[in-house]
């Protein structure tokens, strides 16, 4: 193991350039051998992150939950799921991460909770018109007997966004809103008790040493209180301007209130506590969330959704840098997470993402259809070559970046999971027609030649691991200078060393329509080749990192290189 990533000196701008590693706790490392990842497993594997060279970790929900939606259905925001450990384990993890120089972010899930949350259970018991029900969105139904939902809103996981309650007398009564799964009732943020509760939740974790939060669906808490039907022919899922439940002006008050809580800790020894927003919105709208006094950063999902072409990538980069520069915020680049098809698989398909023009995305319905894309054949050799180049591009751009666990190993999407193993709520809500997100959540292979590949000391993993991953374990890649792991380590080591990288600006060079070529001062150049003609490396430039052969003297198609110039 190398030296600690960074000392925890006070650095008020650490978040502007940080590389953050996402941990999906069920699937990272299993300490006790029950087949489910846990907090002690994360502690065991922290040296991997130190050797990798990241600055921080983000842990997806670790709270008590019935796991109807992988932990995003929270039943207690101030504790740890017993499958994952205890609060004492969480404290030990935070302390150990800080000893290694790693900052720690966790998930905040403010749009909804679990139907097992005590407040929702109290609302069910209290009945219509009660203060308990006003913490959520309970409404009478339409129709002669209230048999129709209050409006036409649809849920993200399929079906209507309303579920009818059966009263104590066994008769149907009111409906409650759930923008996601039926077991995830939405909080009513118009009720001041909800806002006060989340202030306290933030302080609970900040006081335990957490350095920040990733805000789940940060564009969804505020709803039009009139609960209007959506205009004919338009889905409430489209996030169009004026949508009654997405990206509403009321969100600003919520975000600024959270920022006020975080700023209470701004003078701490480790620097400010920070937020990163999850909001799938165009750059010109999502940057409203990172204006002065609001959230610190927001994921740049245009980069994740963008197709693998020079034109689309260049347009997304220009749009993102321009919109973030206008509000004084850094870009936050992301290629993958627990909700999206893994990079190596996505880039190995005939359709690699959405085309972007100079003014933004060009709609294509097929590119939003996960089942359509899933059916396309995958060239994993091609996908992995592109994924290597994409990592160099992402980590060379101005701002911060996120790395999803397993991408540093070049893992592919597990598209052949047995149907009886699927746990994503989309599978059930769609009537077994949409497979969902389990394929990117399969546990990480650490060592050995067969399942569970060192994920734990024994026991079947909660999702089955493919035999083909024997060649992609950390152990298998540890001493291979051509491996994904070696590439990520070299790239992140150079990024930490090189003063040109992290927050800042770039200048484009013209190397033809199939090539992205830019410089960053002082003395750094990145070339990414999307076309069939090799690009020669200038003789007066030294290769720092190459996604292909560093001794070739050129950049082949779907390769990238970092140069010292």
Protein backbone atom coordinates (compact mmCIF):
# COMPACT_ATOMS: atom_id res chain seq x y z
CA UNK A 1 0.00 0.00 0.00
CA UNK A 2 1.25 3.46 -0.85
CA UNK A 3 1.24 6.42 1.50
CA UNK A 4 -2.11 7.92 2.55
CA UNK A 5 -3.99 9.74 -0.18
CA UNK A 6 -3.77 13.18 1.43
CA UNK A 7 -3.54 14.57 4.89
CA UNK A 8 -6.78 15.92 6.29
CA UNK A 9 -5.53 19.49 6.40
CA UNK A 10 -8.15 22.17 6.10
CA UNK A 11 -8.66 22.84 2.39
CA UNK A 12 -11.75 24.91 1.60
CA UNK A 13 -11.62 24.01 -2.09
CA UNK A 14 -10.97 20.27 -1.87
CA UNK A 15 -14.33 19.45 -3.48
CA UNK A 16 -13.63 21.45 -6.66
CA UNK A 17 -11.06 18.91 -7.90
CA UNK A 18 -11.79 15.75 -5.90
CA UNK A 19 -11.95 12.30 -7.45
CA UNK A 20 -14.62 10.39 -5.51
CA UNK A 21 -15.04 6.61 -5.51
CA UNK A 22 -18.61 5.32 -5.24
CA UNK A 23 -19.18 2.32 -2.97
CA UNK A 24 -22.41 0.35 -3.30
CA UNK A 25 -22.20 -1.28 0.14
CA UNK A 26 -24.10 -4.50 -0.60
CA UNK A 27 -21.61 -5.26 -3.36
CA UNK A 28 -18.21 -3.93 -2.29
CA UNK A 29 -16.81 -6.32 0.30
CA UNK A 30 -18.34 -8.88 2.68
CA UNK A 31 -16.51 -9.13 6.02
CA UNK A 32 -18.70 -11.70 7.81
CA UNK A 33 -19.38 -14.13 4.97
CA UNK A 34 -23.16 -13.81 4.73
CA UNK A 35 -23.07 -12.90 1.02
CA UNK A 36 -23.84 -9.21 1.57
CA UNK A 37 -21.27 -6.44 1.66
CA UNK A 38 -20.89 -4.58 4.94
CA UNK A 39 -19.14 -1.66 6.62
CA UNK A 40 -16.39 -3.83 8.09
CA UNK A 41 -15.76 -5.10 4.57
CA UNK A 42 -15.34 -1.52 3.40
CA UNK A 43 -12.81 -0.90 6.19
CA UNK A 44 -10.90 -4.03 5.13
CA UNK A 45 -10.65 -2.76 1.56
CA UNK A 46 -9.77 0.89 2.18
CA UNK A 47 -6.13 0.22 1.20
CA UNK A 48 -7.41 -0.55 -2.32
CA UNK A 49 -8.78 2.99 -2.53
CA UNK A 50 -5.60 4.49 -1.16
CA UNK A 51 -3.53 2.62 -3.74
CA UNK A 52 -5.97 3.69 -6.42
CA UNK A 53 -5.36 7.34 -5.53
CA UNK A 54 -8.87 8.75 -5.03
CA UNK A 55 -9.57 11.68 -2.72
CA UNK A 56 -12.90 10.63 -1.23
CA UNK A 57 -15.50 7.88 -1.04
CA UNK A 58 -19.26 8.11 -1.45
CA UNK A 59 -21.20 5.30 0.22
CA UNK A 60 -24.65 4.58 -1.22
CA UNK A 61 -27.44 4.14 1.37
CA UNK A 62 -26.39 2.13 4.40
CA UNK A 63 -29.46 2.91 6.50
CA UNK A 64 -31.99 0.43 7.93
CA UNK A 65 -34.32 -0.47 5.07
CA UNK A 66 -36.47 -3.34 3.81
CA UNK A 67 -34.39 -3.02 0.60
CA UNK A 68 -37.40 -2.73 -1.68
CA UNK A 69 -35.24 -0.36 -3.74
CA UNK A 70 -31.70 -1.28 -2.82
CA UNK A 71 -31.65 0.87 0.30
CA UNK A 72 -33.22 3.97 -1.22
CA UNK A 73 -36.29 3.13 0.85
CA UNK A 74 -35.05 4.34 4.24
CA UNK A 75 -36.82 3.34 7.46
CA UNK A 76 -34.35 5.09 9.81
CA UNK A 77 -32.03 7.90 8.71
CA UNK A 78 -29.90 7.78 11.89
CA UNK A 79 -28.71 4.19 11.97
CA UNK A 80 -27.03 1.46 9.91
CA UNK A 81 -28.79 -1.51 8.31
CA UNK A 82 -28.05 -4.57 10.48
CA UNK A 83 -26.89 -6.46 7.37
CA UNK A 84 -24.21 -3.78 6.97
CA UNK A 85 -23.19 -3.42 10.62
CA UNK A 86 -23.70 -0.90 13.40
CA UNK A 87 -23.25 2.79 14.09
CA UNK A 88 -20.02 1.85 15.86
CA UNK A 89 -18.84 0.24 12.60
CA UNK A 90 -19.78 3.41 10.71
CA UNK A 91 -17.82 5.53 13.19
CA UNK A 92 -14.81 3.21 12.81
CA UNK A 93 -15.04 3.46 9.02
CA UNK A 94 -15.20 7.27 9.05
CA UNK A 95 -12.23 7.45 11.41
CA UNK A 96 -10.16 4.97 9.41
CA UNK A 97 -10.94 6.68 6.11
CA UNK A 98 -9.84 10.00 7.60
CA UNK A 99 -6.61 8.38 8.83
CA UNK A 100 -5.96 7.35 5.23
CA UNK A 101 -6.64 10.91 4.05
CA UNK A 102 -9.96 10.04 2.44
CA UNK A 103 -13.03 12.20 2.87
CA UNK A 104 -16.41 10.49 3.25
CA UNK A 105 -19.73 11.28 1.61
CA UNK A 106 -22.96 9.36 2.17
CA UNK A 107 -26.38 9.38 0.56
CA UNK A 108 -29.26 11.59 1.63
CA UNK A 109 -32.64 10.35 0.39
CA UNK A 110 -35.00 13.31 0.91
CA UNK A 111 -37.78 12.77 -1.63
CA UNK A 112 -39.20 9.61 -0.07
CA UNK A 113 -38.75 7.10 2.73
CA UNK A 114 -39.76 3.48 3.28
CA UNK A 115 -43.35 2.55 4.00
CA UNK A 116 -41.86 1.00 7.17
CA UNK A 117 -40.65 4.39 8.42
CA UNK A 118 -42.31 5.08 11.80
CA UNK A 119 -43.75 8.38 10.58
CA UNK A 120 -45.48 6.72 7.65
CA UNK A 121 -46.79 3.93 9.82
CA UNK A 122 -48.17 6.59 12.18
CA UNK A 123 -49.77 8.36 9.21
CA UNK A 124 -51.54 5.16 8.15
CA UNK A 125 -52.85 4.64 11.67
CA UNK A 126 -53.92 8.27 12.20
CA UNK A 127 -56.37 8.44 9.33
CA UNK A 128 -57.50 11.14 6.88
CA UNK A 129 -57.03 14.78 7.83
CA UNK A 130 -54.50 14.08 10.59
CA UNK A 131 -51.23 16.01 11.13
CA UNK A 132 -49.38 12.72 10.64
CA UNK A 133 -50.76 12.33 7.13
CA UNK A 134 -49.74 15.89 6.22
CA UNK A 135 -46.11 14.77 6.41
CA UNK A 136 -46.79 12.86 3.19
CA UNK A 137 -49.07 13.34 0.15
CA UNK A 138 -52.34 11.69 1.14
CA UNK A 139 -55.33 12.66 -0.99
CA UNK A 140 -58.86 11.49 -1.69
CA UNK A 141 -59.35 9.72 -4.98
CA UNK A 142 -61.47 10.79 -7.94
CA UNK A 143 -64.64 9.09 -9.08
CA UNK A 144 -67.92 8.45 -7.32
CA UNK A 145 -66.28 6.39 -4.59
CA UNK A 146 -62.70 7.67 -4.76
CA UNK A 147 -61.71 4.65 -6.82
CA UNK A 148 -59.51 6.64 -9.23
CA UNK A 149 -56.06 8.09 -8.37
CA UNK A 150 -55.99 11.81 -7.51
CA UNK A 151 -54.29 12.62 -10.84
CA UNK A 152 -52.56 11.05 -13.83
CA UNK A 153 -48.98 11.08 -12.53
CA UNK A 154 -46.86 8.03 -13.31
CA UNK A 155 -44.16 6.39 -11.16
CA UNK A 156 -40.55 6.15 -12.27
CA UNK A 157 -40.54 2.38 -11.79
CA UNK A 158 -43.75 1.85 -13.77
CA UNK A 159 -47.47 2.20 -13.16
CA UNK A 160 -49.38 5.02 -11.45
CA UNK A 161 -47.64 7.19 -8.82
CA UNK A 162 -50.51 6.64 -6.34
CA UNK A 163 -51.39 3.73 -4.06
CA UNK A 164 -54.72 3.38 -2.26
CA UNK A 165 -54.77 2.75 1.47
CA UNK A 166 -56.97 0.13 3.07
CA UNK A 167 -58.43 1.50 6.32
CA UNK A 168 -58.70 -0.22 9.68
CA UNK A 169 -62.22 -1.33 8.77
CA UNK A 170 -60.95 -3.12 5.67
CA UNK A 171 -62.39 -0.55 3.26
CA UNK A 172 -60.39 1.41 0.66
CA UNK A 173 -59.87 5.05 1.60
CA UNK A 174 -57.23 7.70 0.63
CA UNK A 175 -54.32 7.44 -1.79
CA UNK A 176 -50.66 8.34 -1.14
CA UNK A 177 -48.07 9.59 -3.64
CA UNK A 178 -44.98 7.52 -4.46
CA UNK A 179 -42.91 8.90 -7.30
CA UNK A 180 -40.80 5.73 -7.29
CA UNK A 181 -41.81 2.33 -5.86
CA UNK A 182 -45.11 1.75 -4.09
CA UNK A 183 -43.10 1.15 -0.91
CA UNK A 184 -41.48 4.61 -1.12
CA UNK A 185 -44.01 7.27 -0.02
CA UNK A 186 -43.01 10.85 -0.90
CA UNK A 187 -42.34 13.33 1.88
CA UNK A 188 -44.38 16.54 1.87
CA UNK A 189 -41.70 19.22 1.95
CA UNK A 190 -44.35 21.92 2.34
CA UNK A 191 -44.70 20.72 5.93
CA UNK A 192 -42.08 22.49 8.11
CA UNK A 193 -41.70 19.41 10.30
CA UNK A 194 -40.16 17.55 7.33
CA UNK A 195 -37.61 20.32 6.74
CA UNK A 196 -36.71 20.41 10.45
CA UNK A 197 -36.26 16.64 10.48
CA UNK A 198 -33.80 16.69 7.61
CA UNK A 199 -31.84 19.54 9.19
CA UNK A 200 -31.39 17.28 12.20
CA UNK A 201 -30.41 14.32 10.00
CA UNK A 202 -27.69 16.38 8.31
CA UNK A 203 -26.30 17.51 11.67
CA UNK A 204 -26.44 13.95 13.06
CA UNK A 205 -24.04 12.73 10.36
CA UNK A 206 -21.93 15.88 10.13
CA UNK A 207 -21.34 15.57 13.88
CA UNK A 208 -20.13 12.00 13.32
CA UNK A 209 -17.51 13.27 10.86
CA UNK A 210 -19.17 12.89 7.47
CA UNK A 211 -17.67 15.32 4.93
CA UNK A 212 -20.68 15.59 2.65
CA UNK A 213 -23.81 14.15 1.09
CA UNK A 214 -24.88 12.99 -2.31
CA UNK A 215 -28.47 14.20 -2.67
CA UNK A 216 -30.69 11.54 -4.21
CA UNK A 217 -33.08 12.95 -6.87
CA UNK A 218 -32.28 16.51 -5.80
CA UNK A 219 -34.77 17.86 -8.35
CA UNK A 220 -37.89 16.14 -6.99
CA UNK A 221 -38.82 17.20 -3.43
CA UNK A 222 -41.07 20.14 -4.37
CA UNK A 223 -44.46 19.42 -5.95
CA UNK A 224 -47.21 21.66 -7.26
CA UNK A 225 -49.62 21.70 -4.26
CA UNK A 226 -52.59 21.70 -6.62
CA UNK A 227 -51.48 18.28 -7.93
CA UNK A 228 -52.65 19.04 -11.49
CA UNK A 229 -52.90 16.47 -14.25
CA UNK A 230 -50.05 16.68 -16.73
CA UNK A 231 -50.84 18.23 -20.11
CA UNK A 232 -52.30 15.88 -22.69
CA UNK A 233 -49.69 13.81 -24.46
CA UNK A 234 -46.90 14.75 -22.04
CA UNK A 235 -45.57 12.46 -19.30
CA UNK A 236 -44.66 13.83 -15.88
CA UNK A 237 -41.50 11.70 -16.25
CA UNK A 238 -40.20 13.90 -19.09
CA UNK A 239 -38.95 16.66 -16.73
CA UNK A 240 -40.15 19.31 -19.17
CA UNK A 241 -40.09 22.94 -18.06
CA UNK A 242 -43.21 23.60 -15.98
CA UNK A 243 -43.52 19.97 -14.85
CA UNK A 244 -45.62 19.85 -11.65
CA UNK A 245 -43.18 17.63 -9.74
CA UNK A 246 -39.68 18.04 -11.21
CA UNK A 247 -37.23 20.95 -11.03
CA UNK A 248 -39.67 23.37 -9.43
CA UNK A 249 -38.65 26.85 -8.17
CA UNK A 250 -39.50 25.84 -4.57
CA UNK A 251 -36.39 23.63 -4.54
CA UNK A 252 -34.15 26.66 -4.11
CA UNK A 253 -35.43 27.25 -0.57
CA UNK A 254 -34.71 23.62 0.36
CA UNK A 255 -31.21 23.64 -1.15
CA UNK A 256 -30.26 26.95 0.50
CA UNK A 257 -31.48 25.68 3.84
CA UNK A 258 -29.24 22.62 3.53
CA UNK A 259 -26.31 24.80 2.52
CA UNK A 260 -26.87 26.84 5.65
CA UNK A 261 -26.57 23.70 7.78
CA UNK A 262 -23.39 22.64 5.97
CA UNK A 263 -21.88 26.08 6.37
CA UNK A 264 -22.17 25.71 10.14
CA UNK A 265 -19.26 23.28 9.78
CA UNK A 266 -17.27 25.30 7.21
CA UNK A 267 -14.48 26.21 9.61
CA UNK A 268 -13.81 22.64 10.71
CA UNK A 269 -10.30 21.22 10.59
CA UNK A 270 -10.99 19.29 7.39
CA UNK A 271 -12.66 22.15 5.53
CA UNK A 272 -16.27 22.58 4.43
CA UNK A 273 -18.99 19.96 4.37
CA UNK A 274 -20.34 19.66 0.84
CA UNK A 275 -23.19 18.41 -1.34
CA UNK A 276 -23.35 16.82 -4.78
CA UNK A 277 -26.75 16.77 -6.45
CA UNK A 278 -28.23 13.95 -8.49
CA UNK A 279 -30.51 15.57 -11.06
CA UNK A 280 -30.91 14.32 -14.62
CA UNK A 281 -31.39 17.74 -16.22
CA UNK A 282 -29.76 19.68 -19.09
CA UNK A 283 -26.67 21.70 -18.18
CA UNK A 284 -28.44 25.05 -18.46
CA UNK A 285 -30.99 23.97 -15.83
CA UNK A 286 -28.97 21.80 -13.47
CA UNK A 287 -26.41 24.56 -12.93
CA UNK A 288 -29.14 26.54 -11.17
CA UNK A 289 -28.57 24.08 -8.32
CA UNK A 290 -24.95 25.19 -7.86
CA UNK A 291 -25.39 28.94 -7.89
CA UNK A 292 -23.89 30.88 -5.01
CA UNK A 293 -25.32 29.76 -1.67
CA UNK A 294 -27.01 26.61 -2.99
CA UNK A 295 -25.40 23.18 -3.41
CA UNK A 296 -21.67 22.83 -4.10
CA UNK A 297 -21.64 20.44 -7.06
CA UNK A 298 -23.97 18.46 -9.28
CA UNK A 299 -23.35 15.34 -11.35
CA UNK A 300 -22.86 16.05 -15.04
CA UNK A 301 -25.07 13.33 -16.47
CA UNK A 302 -24.77 14.70 -20.00
CA UNK A 303 -21.26 13.23 -19.94
CA UNK A 304 -22.62 9.83 -18.84
CA UNK A 305 -25.41 9.80 -21.45
CA UNK A 306 -23.33 11.15 -24.33
CA UNK A 307 -22.49 8.92 -27.29
CA UNK A 308 -18.88 7.97 -28.02
CA UNK A 309 -18.13 10.37 -30.88
CA UNK A 310 -15.78 13.34 -31.03
CA UNK A 311 -18.56 15.75 -31.99
CA UNK A 312 -20.97 14.79 -29.20
CA UNK A 313 -18.24 14.64 -26.56
CA UNK A 314 -16.87 18.04 -27.59
CA UNK A 315 -20.35 19.59 -27.51
CA UNK A 316 -21.08 18.20 -24.04
CA UNK A 317 -17.74 19.41 -22.70
CA UNK A 318 -18.23 22.91 -24.13
CA UNK A 319 -21.83 23.15 -22.90
CA UNK A 320 -20.90 21.91 -19.43
CA UNK A 321 -17.88 24.14 -18.95
CA UNK A 322 -19.73 27.19 -20.22
CA UNK A 323 -22.81 26.70 -18.01
CA UNK A 324 -20.78 25.91 -14.88
CA UNK A 325 -18.38 28.79 -15.46
CA UNK A 326 -21.34 31.16 -15.60
CA UNK A 327 -22.22 30.36 -11.96
CA UNK A 328 -18.69 29.89 -10.65
CA UNK A 329 -19.04 26.16 -9.99
CA UNK A 330 -16.75 23.31 -11.06
CA UNK A 331 -17.96 20.56 -13.38
CA UNK A 332 -18.43 17.14 -11.81
CA UNK A 333 -17.81 14.44 -14.43
CA UNK A 334 -19.31 10.97 -14.14
CA UNK A 335 -19.22 7.97 -16.48
CA UNK A 336 -21.16 5.42 -14.43
CA UNK A 337 -23.03 4.66 -11.23
CA UNK A 338 -25.34 2.08 -9.65
CA UNK A 339 -28.26 3.11 -11.93
CA UNK A 340 -26.64 2.80 -15.36
CA UNK A 341 -25.19 0.14 -17.64
CA UNK A 342 -21.48 -0.30 -16.99
CA UNK A 343 -19.15 1.70 -19.24
CA UNK A 344 -17.40 -1.27 -20.86
CA UNK A 345 -20.72 -2.75 -21.98
CA UNK A 346 -22.31 0.55 -22.98
CA UNK A 347 -19.38 1.52 -25.19
CA UNK A 348 -19.29 -1.94 -26.74
CA UNK A 349 -22.71 -1.56 -28.36
CA UNK A 350 -23.75 -0.08 -31.69
CA UNK A 351 -25.55 2.72 -29.81
CA UNK A 352 -23.25 4.12 -27.14
CA UNK A 353 -25.38 7.02 -25.92
CA UNK A 354 -27.24 10.08 -27.10
CA UNK A 355 -25.94 12.46 -29.80
CA UNK A 356 -25.37 16.02 -28.64
CA UNK A 357 -25.46 19.07 -30.86
CA UNK A 358 -24.06 22.50 -30.01
CA UNK A 359 -27.28 23.36 -28.16
CA UNK A 360 -27.76 20.08 -26.32
CA UNK A 361 -29.20 16.61 -26.74
CA UNK A 362 -30.90 15.42 -29.90
CA UNK A 363 -33.76 13.13 -28.84
CA UNK A 364 -33.84 9.52 -29.98
CA UNK A 365 -36.37 7.32 -28.20
CA UNK A 366 -34.33 4.14 -28.69
CA UNK A 367 -31.47 5.59 -26.66
CA UNK A 368 -33.72 5.83 -23.60
CA UNK A 369 -35.01 2.27 -23.91
CA UNK A 370 -32.88 0.05 -21.67
CA UNK A 371 -34.45 -3.14 -22.97
CA UNK A 372 -33.76 -2.14 -26.58
CA UNK A 373 -30.13 -1.43 -25.74
CA UNK A 374 -29.84 -4.60 -23.70
CA UNK A 375 -30.83 -6.65 -26.73
CA UNK A 376 -28.02 -5.20 -28.83
CA UNK A 377 -24.89 -7.37 -29.11
CA UNK A 378 -21.85 -6.22 -27.16
CA UNK A 379 -18.24 -6.17 -28.35
CA UNK A 380 -16.48 -6.16 -24.98
CA UNK A 381 -13.00 -5.81 -26.45
CA UNK A 382 -14.12 -2.63 -28.19
CA UNK A 383 -16.07 -1.47 -25.14
CA UNK A 384 -13.10 -1.89 -22.82
CA UNK A 385 -10.77 -0.08 -25.22
CA UNK A 386 -13.18 2.85 -25.31
CA UNK A 387 -13.70 2.72 -21.54
CA UNK A 388 -9.96 3.08 -21.00
CA UNK A 389 -9.86 6.11 -23.26
CA UNK A 390 -12.98 7.56 -21.63
CA UNK A 391 -11.33 7.34 -18.19
CA UNK A 392 -8.39 9.42 -19.41
CA UNK A 393 -10.73 11.96 -20.99
CA UNK A 394 -12.92 12.26 -17.88
CA UNK A 395 -9.99 12.65 -15.49
CA UNK A 396 -8.26 15.24 -17.68
CA UNK A 397 -11.22 17.63 -17.80
CA UNK A 398 -11.52 20.65 -15.48
CA UNK A 399 -13.34 19.97 -12.22
CA UNK A 400 -13.97 16.89 -10.12
CA UNK A 401 -14.88 13.33 -11.09
CA UNK A 402 -16.60 10.19 -9.76
CA UNK A 403 -15.52 6.58 -10.30
CA UNK A 404 -18.03 3.76 -9.77
CA UNK A 405 -16.71 0.64 -8.04
CA UNK A 406 -15.52 -1.94 -10.55
CA UNK A 407 -14.91 0.51 -13.38
CA UNK A 408 -11.28 0.57 -12.27
CA UNK A 409 -11.31 -3.17 -13.08
CA UNK A 410 -13.03 -2.82 -16.47
CA UNK A 411 -16.03 -4.85 -15.30
CA UNK A 412 -18.86 -5.39 -17.77
CA UNK A 413 -22.61 -5.33 -17.19
CA UNK A 414 -23.95 -8.74 -16.10
CA UNK A 415 -26.78 -8.98 -18.63
CA UNK A 416 -27.45 -12.68 -18.09
CA UNK A 417 -28.51 -12.70 -14.45
CA UNK A 418 -31.13 -15.39 -13.75
CA UNK A 419 -34.58 -13.86 -13.61
CA UNK A 420 -35.23 -15.34 -10.18
CA UNK A 421 -32.21 -13.39 -8.87
CA UNK A 422 -33.45 -9.97 -9.99
CA UNK A 423 -34.29 -7.58 -7.16
CA UNK A 424 -34.70 -4.20 -8.83
CA UNK A 425 -38.31 -3.01 -8.29
CA UNK A 426 -38.54 -2.12 -11.99
CA UNK A 427 -38.63 -5.86 -12.78
CA UNK A 428 -41.85 -6.37 -10.81
CA UNK A 429 -43.47 -3.01 -11.57
CA UNK A 430 -43.00 -3.57 -15.32
CA UNK A 431 -44.63 -6.98 -15.27
CA UNK A 432 -41.26 -8.69 -15.85
CA UNK A 433 -40.54 -6.78 -19.06
CA UNK A 434 -37.78 -4.39 -17.87
CA UNK A 435 -34.83 -6.11 -16.21
CA UNK A 436 -33.68 -3.07 -14.26
CA UNK A 437 -30.34 -2.14 -12.73
CA UNK A 438 -29.10 -5.29 -11.02
CA UNK A 439 -26.57 -5.97 -13.78
CA UNK A 440 -24.33 -3.10 -12.66
CA UNK A 441 -24.70 -3.95 -8.96
CA UNK A 442 -23.16 -7.43 -8.95
CA UNK A 443 -20.51 -7.76 -6.17
CA UNK A 444 -16.89 -6.87 -6.88
CA UNK A 445 -14.35 -9.67 -7.61
CA UNK A 446 -11.22 -9.36 -5.48
CA UNK A 447 -9.29 -12.60 -5.82
CA UNK A 448 -9.36 -16.27 -6.72
CA UNK A 449 -10.71 -18.11 -9.73
CA UNK A 450 -14.30 -18.83 -8.75
CA UNK A 451 -17.23 -17.21 -6.99
CA UNK A 452 -17.30 -15.40 -4.59
CA UNK A 453 -13.89 -14.20 -5.87
CA UNK A 454 -12.74 -12.97 -2.47
CA UNK A 455 -15.84 -10.83 -2.02
CA UNK A 456 -16.26 -12.57 1.35
CA UNK A 457 -14.93 -15.55 3.29
CA UNK A 458 -17.80 -17.70 2.07
CA UNK A 459 -21.47 -17.80 1.27
CA UNK A 460 -23.25 -17.12 -1.99
CA UNK A 461 -23.19 -13.43 -2.97
CA UNK A 462 -26.57 -11.70 -2.93
CA UNK A 463 -26.31 -11.48 -6.74
CA UNK A 464 -24.47 -14.22 -8.66
CA UNK A 465 -21.03 -13.36 -10.04
CA UNK A 466 -20.08 -14.49 -13.57
CA UNK A 467 -17.26 -17.00 -14.03
CA UNK A 468 -15.68 -14.77 -16.69
CA UNK A 469 -14.71 -12.26 -13.99
CA UNK A 470 -11.87 -14.56 -12.87
CA UNK A 471 -9.67 -12.60 -15.29
CA UNK A 472 -10.76 -9.24 -13.87
CA UNK A 473 -10.19 -9.57 -10.13
CA UNK A 474 -8.00 -7.10 -8.29
CA UNK A 475 -5.55 -9.95 -7.68
CA UNK A 476 -5.39 -10.87 -11.37
CA UNK A 477 -4.69 -7.27 -12.36
CA UNK A 478 -2.40 -6.34 -9.48
CA UNK A 479 0.91 -6.92 -11.25
CA UNK A 480 -0.20 -6.52 -14.86
CA UNK A 481 1.08 -3.18 -16.23
CA UNK A 482 -1.47 -3.33 -19.07
CA UNK A 483 -4.50 -3.88 -16.82
CA UNK A 484 -7.38 -1.52 -16.12
CA UNK A 485 -6.26 -1.30 -12.51
CA UNK A 486 -2.74 -0.27 -13.52
CA UNK A 487 -4.20 2.34 -15.89
CA UNK A 488 -6.41 3.88 -13.20
CA UNK A 489 -3.58 3.91 -10.66
CA UNK A 490 -1.20 5.57 -13.10
CA UNK A 491 -3.84 8.08 -14.19
CA UNK A 492 -4.87 9.07 -10.68
CA UNK A 493 -1.24 9.26 -9.51
CA UNK A 494 -0.46 11.66 -12.35
CA UNK A 495 -3.61 13.66 -11.73
CA UNK A 496 -2.64 14.20 -8.09
CA UNK A 497 0.93 15.14 -9.04
CA UNK A 498 0.19 17.37 -12.02
CA UNK A 499 -0.62 21.03 -11.22
CA UNK A 500 -2.48 21.38 -14.54
CA UNK A 501 -5.19 18.91 -13.56
CA UNK A 502 -8.28 19.29 -11.40
CA UNK A 503 -10.22 22.55 -11.33
CA UNK A 504 -9.41 25.11 -14.01
CA UNK A 505 -9.81 25.60 -17.74
CA UNK A 506 -8.72 24.08 -21.05
CA UNK A 507 -7.82 25.25 -24.54
CA UNK A 508 -8.78 23.25 -27.62
CA UNK A 509 -6.35 22.42 -30.40
CA UNK A 510 -7.53 21.59 -33.93
CA UNK A 511 -6.48 18.06 -34.86
CA UNK A 512 -9.41 17.20 -37.12
CA UNK A 513 -13.08 16.28 -36.67
CA UNK A 514 -12.42 12.81 -35.26
CA UNK A 515 -10.00 13.91 -32.54
CA UNK A 516 -10.36 15.72 -29.21
CA UNK A 517 -7.15 17.56 -28.45
CA UNK A 518 -6.70 20.10 -25.66
CA UNK A 519 -4.06 21.63 -23.44
CA UNK A 520 -4.16 22.64 -19.80
CA UNK A 521 -1.56 24.84 -18.19
CA UNK A 522 1.12 24.32 -17.21
CA UNK A 523 2.39 21.93 -19.85
CA UNK A 524 -0.33 19.26 -20.14
CA UNK A 525 -1.98 17.93 -23.30
CA UNK A 526 -4.68 15.27 -23.81
CA UNK A 527 -5.46 13.62 -27.15
CA UNK A 528 -8.42 11.27 -27.69
CA UNK A 529 -8.79 9.65 -31.10
CA UNK A 530 -12.28 8.59 -32.22
CA UNK A 531 -11.38 8.04 -35.89
CA UNK A 532 -9.70 5.26 -37.90
CA UNK A 533 -6.52 7.22 -38.71
CA UNK A 534 -3.79 7.07 -36.07
CA UNK A 535 -2.66 10.36 -34.57
CA UNK A 536 1.13 10.72 -34.19
CA UNK A 537 2.45 11.79 -30.82
CA UNK A 538 4.60 14.93 -31.19
CA UNK A 539 8.30 14.16 -30.87
CA UNK A 540 8.82 16.92 -28.33
CA UNK A 541 6.12 15.56 -25.99
CA UNK A 542 6.62 12.99 -23.23
CA UNK A 543 3.97 10.34 -22.63
CA UNK A 544 2.57 10.52 -19.11
CA UNK A 545 -0.24 7.94 -19.44
CA UNK A 546 -1.50 6.06 -22.51
CA UNK A 547 -4.68 3.99 -22.68
CA UNK A 548 -3.03 1.79 -25.32
CA UNK A 549 0.65 1.11 -26.02
CA UNK A 550 2.76 3.92 -24.49
CA UNK A 551 5.68 3.03 -26.75
CA UNK A 552 3.77 3.09 -30.04
CA UNK A 553 4.43 6.75 -30.80
CA UNK A 554 0.80 7.25 -31.84
CA UNK A 555 -2.80 7.28 -30.67
CA UNK A 556 -4.91 4.65 -32.40
CA UNK A 557 -8.70 4.70 -32.76
CA UNK A 558 -10.50 4.65 -29.39
CA UNK A 559 -7.32 5.46 -27.51
CA UNK A 560 -6.26 8.43 -25.41
CA UNK A 561 -2.95 9.79 -24.19
CA UNK A 562 -1.75 12.31 -21.60
CA UNK A 563 1.35 14.25 -22.60
CA UNK A 564 3.82 16.60 -20.99
CA UNK A 565 4.51 19.42 -23.44
